[in-house]
Amino acid sequence: MTDKDQTKVKRKGTFRSAPLPVPAATGVVLAGEELVKVAVAALEDVKAQDIQVIDVREKQSITDFMIIATGTSNRQIGAMLDKVREAVKAQGVKPLGEEGKGDSDWVLLDMDDVIVHMMTASARQFYDLERLWAGAEQSRSASAAHHSPENTHEHFTKLNKDQE
């Protein structure tokens, strides 16, 4: 057997599964409300607008909280994503995934217990996630009054008239 053949044999049993997540050096892994506080603080640092936290624990089992925030441009949404990712990584939390990076109007950051939706104002109005999750406990910043159910958007008023 040559040296080349021996290396093939040696490599045969070296495959391993992916490593498990390692907690931060502090030993404390953030979850739930603490992770929401870190994400909201990061969003506020980059001037995200209309930050809303929705408690969806009673509605479904995929996640505990959803954070919805508006950015004024795709570039700001990218900065929001970067800032939240950096802030949670600094606390020892590794995001599970990101969707919509690049030139998208809607970017999502999944951190298991918390999902952060960062959108342009037009995407937020069109998809209206707040209305979708109506009934779930919501907390809204004071500047987000125009997204409240009492203040119906022109689009939905027209849509409702057309359906009658």
N, C-alpha and C. Protein backbone atom coordinates (compact mmCIF):
# COMPACT_ATOMS: atom_id res chain seq x y z
N MET A 1 0.85 -1.19 0.00
CA MET A 1 0.00 0.00 0.00
C MET A 1 0.89 1.24 0.00
N THR A 2 0.61 2.18 -0.88
CA THR A 2 1.42 3.41 -0.97
C THR A 2 0.93 4.43 0.04
N ASP A 3 1.72 5.50 0.21
CA ASP A 3 1.33 6.58 1.13
C ASP A 3 0.02 7.22 0.69
N LYS A 4 -0.17 7.35 -0.62
CA LYS A 4 -1.39 7.96 -1.14
C LYS A 4 -2.62 7.12 -0.77
N ASP A 5 -2.50 5.82 -0.85
CA ASP A 5 -3.62 4.94 -0.49
C ASP A 5 -3.91 5.00 1.01
N GLN A 6 -2.87 5.15 1.84
CA GLN A 6 -3.06 5.21 3.28
C GLN A 6 -3.82 6.48 3.68
N THR A 7 -3.54 7.61 3.02
CA THR A 7 -4.25 8.85 3.37
C THR A 7 -5.73 8.73 3.03
N LYS A 8 -6.05 8.01 1.97
CA LYS A 8 -7.46 7.81 1.64
C LYS A 8 -8.16 7.02 2.74
N VAL A 9 -7.50 6.02 3.25
CA VAL A 9 -8.07 5.20 4.31
C VAL A 9 -8.22 6.01 5.59
N LYS A 10 -7.23 6.82 5.91
CA LYS A 10 -7.26 7.62 7.13
C LYS A 10 -8.38 8.65 7.10
N ARG A 11 -8.66 9.25 5.94
CA ARG A 11 -9.70 10.27 5.84
C ARG A 11 -11.10 9.70 5.89
N LYS A 12 -11.22 8.42 5.64
CA LYS A 12 -12.55 7.81 5.51
C LYS A 12 -13.44 8.04 6.74
N GLY A 13 -12.91 7.99 7.92
CA GLY A 13 -13.73 8.11 9.13
C GLY A 13 -13.68 9.47 9.79
N THR A 14 -13.31 10.53 9.09
CA THR A 14 -13.12 11.83 9.73
C THR A 14 -14.32 12.76 9.60
N PHE A 15 -15.37 12.33 8.94
CA PHE A 15 -16.52 13.21 8.76
C PHE A 15 -17.30 13.32 10.07
N ARG A 16 -17.65 14.55 10.42
CA ARG A 16 -18.39 14.79 11.66
C ARG A 16 -19.56 15.72 11.37
N SER A 17 -20.55 15.71 12.26
CA SER A 17 -21.68 16.63 12.11
C SER A 17 -21.25 18.03 12.53
N ALA A 18 -22.09 19.00 12.21
CA ALA A 18 -21.80 20.40 12.54
C ALA A 18 -21.73 20.57 14.06
N PRO A 19 -20.84 21.45 14.53
CA PRO A 19 -20.73 21.67 15.98
C PRO A 19 -21.97 22.35 16.53
N LEU A 20 -22.26 22.08 17.79
CA LEU A 20 -23.38 22.73 18.46
C LEU A 20 -23.02 24.15 18.81
N PRO A 21 -24.03 25.05 18.93
CA PRO A 21 -23.73 26.44 19.30
C PRO A 21 -23.03 26.51 20.65
N VAL A 22 -22.06 27.39 20.73
CA VAL A 22 -21.31 27.57 21.96
C VAL A 22 -21.78 28.83 22.65
N PRO A 23 -22.14 28.76 23.96
CA PRO A 23 -22.56 29.97 24.66
C PRO A 23 -21.43 30.99 24.71
N ALA A 24 -21.81 32.24 24.92
CA ALA A 24 -20.83 33.33 25.01
C ALA A 24 -19.91 33.10 26.20
N ALA A 25 -18.82 33.84 26.23
CA ALA A 25 -17.84 33.71 27.30
C ALA A 25 -18.45 33.96 28.66
N THR A 26 -19.54 34.73 28.72
CA THR A 26 -20.18 35.02 30.00
C THR A 26 -20.96 33.82 30.51
N GLY A 27 -21.25 32.85 29.64
CA GLY A 27 -22.01 31.69 30.04
C GLY A 27 -23.51 31.93 30.05
N VAL A 28 -23.94 33.15 29.79
CA VAL A 28 -25.35 33.50 29.79
C VAL A 28 -25.81 33.66 28.34
N VAL A 29 -26.81 32.89 27.95
CA VAL A 29 -27.35 33.00 26.61
C VAL A 29 -28.67 33.77 26.70
N LEU A 30 -28.78 34.84 25.92
CA LEU A 30 -29.99 35.66 25.94
C LEU A 30 -31.13 34.93 25.24
N ALA A 31 -32.31 35.13 25.77
CA ALA A 31 -33.50 34.58 25.12
C ALA A 31 -34.68 35.47 25.44
N GLY A 32 -35.70 35.38 24.61
CA GLY A 32 -36.96 36.07 24.85
C GLY A 32 -36.83 37.56 25.03
N GLU A 33 -37.34 38.05 26.17
CA GLU A 33 -37.43 39.49 26.41
C GLU A 33 -36.07 40.18 26.43
N GLU A 34 -35.03 39.52 26.94
CA GLU A 34 -33.70 40.13 26.97
C GLU A 34 -33.16 40.32 25.55
N LEU A 35 -33.41 39.34 24.70
CA LEU A 35 -32.98 39.44 23.31
C LEU A 35 -33.76 40.53 22.58
N VAL A 36 -35.04 40.69 22.92
CA VAL A 36 -35.85 41.77 22.34
C VAL A 36 -35.25 43.12 22.71
N LYS A 37 -34.86 43.30 23.96
CA LYS A 37 -34.28 44.57 24.41
C LYS A 37 -33.00 44.90 23.64
N VAL A 38 -32.16 43.90 23.44
CA VAL A 38 -30.90 44.12 22.71
C VAL A 38 -31.20 44.51 21.27
N ALA A 39 -32.12 43.80 20.62
CA ALA A 39 -32.46 44.06 19.21
C ALA A 39 -33.10 45.44 19.05
N VAL A 40 -34.02 45.80 19.94
CA VAL A 40 -34.68 47.11 19.85
C VAL A 40 -33.66 48.23 20.07
N ALA A 41 -32.76 48.07 21.02
CA ALA A 41 -31.73 49.09 21.26
C ALA A 41 -30.85 49.26 20.02
N ALA A 42 -30.52 48.16 19.37
CA ALA A 42 -29.70 48.24 18.15
C ALA A 42 -30.46 48.95 17.03
N LEU A 43 -31.74 48.65 16.89
CA LEU A 43 -32.56 49.31 15.88
C LEU A 43 -32.67 50.81 16.15
N GLU A 44 -32.84 51.18 17.42
CA GLU A 44 -32.92 52.60 17.77
C GLU A 44 -31.60 53.32 17.49
N ASP A 45 -30.48 52.61 17.65
CA ASP A 45 -29.16 53.21 17.38
C ASP A 45 -29.01 53.63 15.93
N VAL A 46 -29.64 52.90 15.01
CA VAL A 46 -29.52 53.23 13.59
C VAL A 46 -30.76 53.95 13.07
N LYS A 47 -31.52 54.54 14.00
CA LYS A 47 -32.67 55.39 13.67
C LYS A 47 -33.79 54.67 12.91
N ALA A 48 -34.04 53.39 13.26
CA ALA A 48 -35.18 52.70 12.69
C ALA A 48 -36.45 53.39 13.17
N GLN A 49 -37.49 53.36 12.34
CA GLN A 49 -38.74 54.04 12.67
C GLN A 49 -39.81 53.00 13.01
N ASP A 50 -40.82 53.45 13.75
CA ASP A 50 -42.01 52.64 14.04
C ASP A 50 -41.67 51.23 14.54
N ILE A 51 -40.81 51.14 15.52
CA ILE A 51 -40.42 49.84 16.06
C ILE A 51 -41.57 49.28 16.88
N GLN A 52 -41.99 48.07 16.53
CA GLN A 52 -43.10 47.44 17.24
C GLN A 52 -42.70 46.02 17.63
N VAL A 53 -42.99 45.64 18.86
CA VAL A 53 -42.73 44.30 19.36
C VAL A 53 -44.07 43.60 19.54
N ILE A 54 -44.18 42.40 18.96
CA ILE A 54 -45.42 41.62 19.06
C ILE A 54 -45.11 40.31 19.77
N ASP A 55 -45.82 40.05 20.85
CA ASP A 55 -45.68 38.79 21.60
C ASP A 55 -46.59 37.77 20.94
N VAL A 56 -46.00 36.75 20.32
CA VAL A 56 -46.79 35.74 19.59
C VAL A 56 -46.72 34.36 20.24
N ARG A 57 -46.34 34.31 21.51
CA ARG A 57 -46.22 33.02 22.20
C ARG A 57 -47.54 32.27 22.25
N GLU A 58 -48.63 32.99 22.39
CA GLU A 58 -49.95 32.36 22.48
C GLU A 58 -50.53 32.03 21.11
N LYS A 59 -49.95 32.56 20.03
CA LYS A 59 -50.49 32.39 18.67
C LYS A 59 -49.87 31.21 17.93
N GLN A 60 -48.58 30.96 18.14
CA GLN A 60 -47.89 29.90 17.40
C GLN A 60 -46.63 29.49 18.15
N SER A 61 -45.96 28.44 17.68
CA SER A 61 -44.80 27.91 18.40
C SER A 61 -43.47 28.13 17.67
N ILE A 62 -43.48 28.84 16.57
CA ILE A 62 -42.25 29.05 15.81
C ILE A 62 -41.30 29.98 16.54
N THR A 63 -41.84 31.03 17.11
CA THR A 63 -41.02 32.03 17.80
C THR A 63 -41.84 32.64 18.93
N ASP A 64 -41.18 33.38 19.81
CA ASP A 64 -41.87 34.01 20.93
C ASP A 64 -42.24 35.47 20.63
N PHE A 65 -41.34 36.18 19.95
CA PHE A 65 -41.55 37.60 19.68
C PHE A 65 -41.22 37.92 18.24
N MET A 66 -41.96 38.88 17.69
CA MET A 66 -41.62 39.45 16.38
C MET A 66 -41.41 40.94 16.59
N ILE A 67 -40.35 41.44 16.00
CA ILE A 67 -40.08 42.87 16.02
C ILE A 67 -40.22 43.36 14.59
N ILE A 68 -40.99 44.42 14.40
CA ILE A 68 -41.17 45.00 13.08
C ILE A 68 -40.66 46.43 13.15
N ALA A 69 -39.79 46.78 12.19
CA ALA A 69 -39.22 48.12 12.16
C ALA A 69 -39.17 48.62 10.73
N THR A 70 -39.29 49.92 10.57
CA THR A 70 -39.29 50.54 9.24
C THR A 70 -37.98 51.29 9.02
N GLY A 71 -37.46 51.13 7.81
CA GLY A 71 -36.28 51.87 7.38
C GLY A 71 -36.66 52.80 6.24
N THR A 72 -35.95 53.90 6.10
CA THR A 72 -36.29 54.88 5.07
C THR A 72 -35.77 54.50 3.69
N SER A 73 -34.82 53.58 3.62
CA SER A 73 -34.26 53.16 2.34
C SER A 73 -33.70 51.74 2.47
N ASN A 74 -33.40 51.13 1.34
CA ASN A 74 -32.80 49.80 1.37
C ASN A 74 -31.43 49.82 2.04
N ARG A 75 -30.71 50.90 1.86
CA ARG A 75 -29.40 51.04 2.50
C ARG A 75 -29.55 51.08 4.03
N GLN A 76 -30.54 51.82 4.52
CA GLN A 76 -30.76 51.87 5.97
C GLN A 76 -31.19 50.50 6.49
N ILE A 77 -32.01 49.79 5.73
CA ILE A 77 -32.43 48.45 6.15
C ILE A 77 -31.22 47.54 6.27
N GLY A 78 -30.27 47.65 5.33
CA GLY A 78 -29.04 46.88 5.43
C GLY A 78 -28.25 47.23 6.68
N ALA A 79 -28.19 48.53 7.01
CA ALA A 79 -27.50 48.98 8.22
C ALA A 79 -28.21 48.47 9.47
N MET A 80 -29.54 48.44 9.43
CA MET A 80 -30.31 47.92 10.56
C MET A 80 -29.98 46.44 10.78
N LEU A 81 -29.95 45.67 9.70
CA LEU A 81 -29.61 44.25 9.78
C LEU A 81 -28.23 44.05 10.38
N ASP A 82 -27.25 44.79 9.87
CA ASP A 82 -25.87 44.68 10.37
C ASP A 82 -25.78 45.01 11.85
N LYS A 83 -26.46 46.08 12.27
CA LYS A 83 -26.39 46.53 13.66
C LYS A 83 -27.02 45.51 14.61
N VAL A 84 -28.18 44.98 14.24
CA VAL A 84 -28.84 43.99 15.11
C VAL A 84 -27.99 42.73 15.17
N ARG A 85 -27.48 42.28 14.04
CA ARG A 85 -26.65 41.08 14.00
C ARG A 85 -25.42 41.25 14.90
N GLU A 86 -24.74 42.39 14.79
CA GLU A 86 -23.56 42.65 15.62
C GLU A 86 -23.91 42.70 17.11
N ALA A 87 -25.03 43.34 17.43
CA ALA A 87 -25.43 43.49 18.84
C ALA A 87 -25.74 42.14 19.48
N VAL A 88 -26.45 41.28 18.76
CA VAL A 88 -26.80 39.98 19.36
C VAL A 88 -25.60 39.05 19.39
N LYS A 89 -24.73 39.14 18.39
CA LYS A 89 -23.51 38.33 18.41
C LYS A 89 -22.62 38.73 19.57
N ALA A 90 -22.57 40.02 19.89
CA ALA A 90 -21.77 40.50 21.02
C ALA A 90 -22.30 39.93 22.33
N GLN A 91 -23.57 39.55 22.36
CA GLN A 91 -24.18 38.96 23.55
C GLN A 91 -24.14 37.44 23.52
N GLY A 92 -23.50 36.88 22.50
CA GLY A 92 -23.34 35.43 22.43
C GLY A 92 -24.45 34.70 21.69
N VAL A 93 -25.28 35.41 20.97
CA VAL A 93 -26.38 34.79 20.24
C VAL A 93 -26.01 34.74 18.76
N LYS A 94 -26.08 33.55 18.19
CA LYS A 94 -25.79 33.40 16.76
C LYS A 94 -27.11 33.29 16.01
N PRO A 95 -27.42 34.26 15.15
CA PRO A 95 -28.67 34.19 14.38
C PRO A 95 -28.75 32.91 13.56
N LEU A 96 -29.97 32.36 13.46
CA LEU A 96 -30.17 31.14 12.70
C LEU A 96 -30.16 31.38 11.20
N GLY A 97 -30.65 32.57 10.78
CA GLY A 97 -30.68 32.84 9.36
C GLY A 97 -31.11 34.25 9.05
N GLU A 98 -30.85 34.63 7.80
CA GLU A 98 -31.23 35.95 7.30
C GLU A 98 -31.88 35.75 5.94
N GLU A 99 -32.90 36.51 5.67
CA GLU A 99 -33.59 36.45 4.38
C GLU A 99 -33.74 37.86 3.82
N GLY A 100 -33.61 37.98 2.50
CA GLY A 100 -33.87 39.24 1.83
C GLY A 100 -32.73 40.22 1.83
N LYS A 101 -31.51 39.75 2.05
CA LYS A 101 -30.36 40.66 2.06
C LYS A 101 -30.18 41.30 0.68
N GLY A 102 -29.44 42.37 0.66
CA GLY A 102 -29.16 43.04 -0.60
C GLY A 102 -30.07 44.22 -0.83
N ASP A 103 -30.74 44.22 -1.97
CA ASP A 103 -31.55 45.36 -2.38
C ASP A 103 -33.03 45.12 -2.12
N SER A 104 -33.34 44.42 -1.06
CA SER A 104 -34.71 44.03 -0.78
C SER A 104 -35.45 45.06 0.07
N ASP A 105 -36.77 45.11 -0.10
CA ASP A 105 -37.61 46.00 0.71
C ASP A 105 -37.96 45.39 2.06
N TRP A 106 -37.69 44.10 2.23
CA TRP A 106 -38.04 43.40 3.46
C TRP A 106 -36.91 42.45 3.80
N VAL A 107 -36.30 42.64 4.96
CA VAL A 107 -35.22 41.78 5.43
C VAL A 107 -35.65 41.17 6.75
N LEU A 108 -35.34 39.89 6.92
CA LEU A 108 -35.73 39.17 8.12
C LEU A 108 -34.49 38.60 8.78
N LEU A 109 -34.40 38.72 10.10
CA LEU A 109 -33.32 38.12 10.88
C LEU A 109 -33.95 37.18 11.90
N ASP A 110 -33.64 35.90 11.79
CA ASP A 110 -34.22 34.87 12.66
C ASP A 110 -33.23 34.53 13.76
N MET A 111 -33.66 34.76 15.02
CA MET A 111 -32.83 34.43 16.17
C MET A 111 -33.53 33.42 17.07
N ASP A 112 -34.36 32.58 16.49
CA ASP A 112 -35.12 31.53 17.16
C ASP A 112 -36.24 32.10 18.04
N ASP A 113 -35.93 32.63 19.21
CA ASP A 113 -36.96 33.18 20.09
C ASP A 113 -37.51 34.51 19.58
N VAL A 114 -36.74 35.19 18.76
CA VAL A 114 -37.11 36.51 18.24
C VAL A 114 -36.84 36.56 16.74
N ILE A 115 -37.83 37.04 16.00
CA ILE A 115 -37.66 37.27 14.56
C ILE A 115 -37.81 38.77 14.33
N VAL A 116 -36.84 39.37 13.64
CA VAL A 116 -36.86 40.81 13.37
C VAL A 116 -37.17 41.02 11.90
N HIS A 117 -38.25 41.77 11.63
CA HIS A 117 -38.63 42.15 10.27
C HIS A 117 -38.24 43.61 10.09
N MET A 118 -37.41 43.90 9.08
CA MET A 118 -37.00 45.26 8.77
C MET A 118 -37.48 45.56 7.36
N MET A 119 -38.33 46.60 7.21
CA MET A 119 -39.00 46.83 5.94
C MET A 119 -39.02 48.31 5.58
N THR A 120 -39.22 48.57 4.28
CA THR A 120 -39.50 49.94 3.87
C THR A 120 -40.95 50.24 4.26
N ALA A 121 -41.31 51.51 4.29
CA ALA A 121 -42.67 51.90 4.68
C ALA A 121 -43.70 51.31 3.72
N SER A 122 -43.39 51.28 2.42
CA SER A 122 -44.36 50.75 1.45
C SER A 122 -44.54 49.24 1.63
N ALA A 123 -43.48 48.51 1.89
CA ALA A 123 -43.60 47.07 2.13
C ALA A 123 -44.36 46.80 3.42
N ARG A 124 -44.09 47.60 4.43
CA ARG A 124 -44.77 47.40 5.71
C ARG A 124 -46.26 47.65 5.56
N GLN A 125 -46.63 48.68 4.82
CA GLN A 125 -48.05 48.97 4.61
C GLN A 125 -48.70 47.88 3.77
N PHE A 126 -48.00 47.39 2.75
CA PHE A 126 -48.56 46.38 1.86
C PHE A 126 -48.79 45.05 2.59
N TYR A 127 -47.78 44.56 3.32
CA TYR A 127 -47.89 43.26 3.98
C TYR A 127 -48.64 43.34 5.29
N ASP A 128 -48.60 44.47 5.95
CA ASP A 128 -49.35 44.76 7.17
C ASP A 128 -49.32 43.61 8.18
N LEU A 129 -48.12 43.25 8.62
CA LEU A 129 -47.95 42.15 9.57
C LEU A 129 -48.67 42.41 10.89
N GLU A 130 -48.78 43.69 11.26
CA GLU A 130 -49.49 44.01 12.50
C GLU A 130 -50.94 43.53 12.42
N ARG A 131 -51.55 43.71 11.29
CA ARG A 131 -52.93 43.28 11.11
C ARG A 131 -53.02 41.75 11.09
N LEU A 132 -52.04 41.11 10.48
CA LEU A 132 -51.99 39.65 10.44
C LEU A 132 -51.94 39.05 11.84
N TRP A 133 -51.15 39.65 12.69
CA TRP A 133 -50.99 39.14 14.05
C TRP A 133 -51.89 39.87 15.04
N ALA A 134 -52.96 40.49 14.57
CA ALA A 134 -53.91 41.18 15.46
C ALA A 134 -54.40 40.21 16.52
N GLY A 135 -54.49 40.71 17.71
CA GLY A 135 -54.90 39.86 18.82
C GLY A 135 -53.73 39.41 19.65
N ALA A 136 -52.55 39.37 19.05
CA ALA A 136 -51.35 39.08 19.83
C ALA A 136 -51.00 40.34 20.60
N GLU A 137 -50.37 40.17 21.76
CA GLU A 137 -50.02 41.32 22.57
C GLU A 137 -48.98 42.16 21.84
N GLN A 138 -49.26 43.45 21.65
CA GLN A 138 -48.38 44.33 20.89
C GLN A 138 -47.94 45.50 21.75
N SER A 139 -46.70 45.91 21.53
CA SER A 139 -46.23 47.16 22.13
C SER A 139 -45.67 48.00 21.01
N ARG A 140 -46.07 49.26 20.97
CA ARG A 140 -45.73 50.13 19.84
C ARG A 140 -45.11 51.41 20.37
N SER A 141 -44.14 51.89 19.61
CA SER A 141 -43.56 53.17 19.97
C SER A 141 -44.58 54.28 19.69
N ALA A 142 -44.45 55.39 20.34
CA ALA A 142 -45.42 56.49 20.21
C ALA A 142 -45.46 57.04 18.79
N SER A 143 -44.36 56.95 18.06
CA SER A 143 -44.31 57.51 16.71
C SER A 143 -44.98 56.63 15.67
N ALA A 144 -45.51 55.48 16.05
CA ALA A 144 -46.09 54.55 15.08
C ALA A 144 -47.61 54.62 15.05
N ALA A 145 -48.18 55.72 15.46
CA ALA A 145 -49.64 55.83 15.54
C ALA A 145 -50.32 55.64 14.19
N HIS A 146 -49.65 56.00 13.11
CA HIS A 146 -50.29 55.88 11.80
C HIS A 146 -50.46 54.42 11.37
N HIS A 147 -49.84 53.46 12.08
CA HIS A 147 -50.03 52.04 11.77
C HIS A 147 -51.10 51.40 12.64
N SER A 148 -51.73 52.16 13.51
CA SER A 148 -52.70 51.58 14.43
C SER A 148 -54.00 51.24 13.72
N PRO A 149 -54.76 50.26 14.24
CA PRO A 149 -56.01 49.87 13.60
C PRO A 149 -57.03 51.01 13.52
N GLU A 150 -56.94 51.97 14.44
CA GLU A 150 -57.88 53.10 14.41
C GLU A 150 -57.61 54.01 13.23
N ASN A 151 -56.40 54.00 12.71
CA ASN A 151 -56.03 54.86 11.60
C ASN A 151 -55.89 53.99 10.35
N THR A 152 -56.98 53.76 9.65
CA THR A 152 -56.99 52.88 8.49
C THR A 152 -56.29 53.56 7.31
N HIS A 153 -55.47 52.79 6.62
CA HIS A 153 -54.77 53.30 5.45
C HIS A 153 -55.75 53.50 4.30
N GLU A 154 -55.46 54.48 3.44
CA GLU A 154 -56.32 54.76 2.28
C GLU A 154 -56.51 53.51 1.43
N HIS A 155 -55.43 52.77 1.26
CA HIS A 155 -55.47 51.56 0.42
C HIS A 155 -56.53 50.59 0.93
N PHE A 156 -56.56 50.36 2.25
CA PHE A 156 -57.50 49.41 2.81
C PHE A 156 -58.93 49.96 2.80
N THR A 157 -59.08 51.25 2.96
CA THR A 157 -60.41 51.86 2.88
C THR A 157 -61.00 51.65 1.49
N LYS A 158 -60.18 51.91 0.47
CA LYS A 158 -60.61 51.72 -0.91
C LYS A 158 -60.90 50.24 -1.18
N LEU A 159 -60.02 49.36 -0.71
CA LEU A 159 -60.19 47.93 -0.90
C LEU A 159 -61.49 47.45 -0.28
N ASN A 160 -61.80 47.90 0.92
CA ASN A 160 -63.02 47.49 1.60
C ASN A 160 -64.25 47.99 0.85
N LYS A 161 -64.20 49.21 0.30
CA LYS A 161 -65.33 49.74 -0.48
C LYS A 161 -65.54 48.93 -1.75
N ASP A 162 -64.44 48.54 -2.39
CA ASP A 162 -64.53 47.76 -3.62
C ASP A 162 -65.14 46.38 -3.38
N GLN A 163 -64.92 45.81 -2.20
CA GLN A 163 -65.44 44.48 -1.89
C GLN A 163 -66.90 44.50 -1.53
N GLU A 164 -67.44 45.65 -1.15
CA GLU A 164 -68.86 45.74 -0.75
C GLU A 164 -69.79 45.75 -1.90
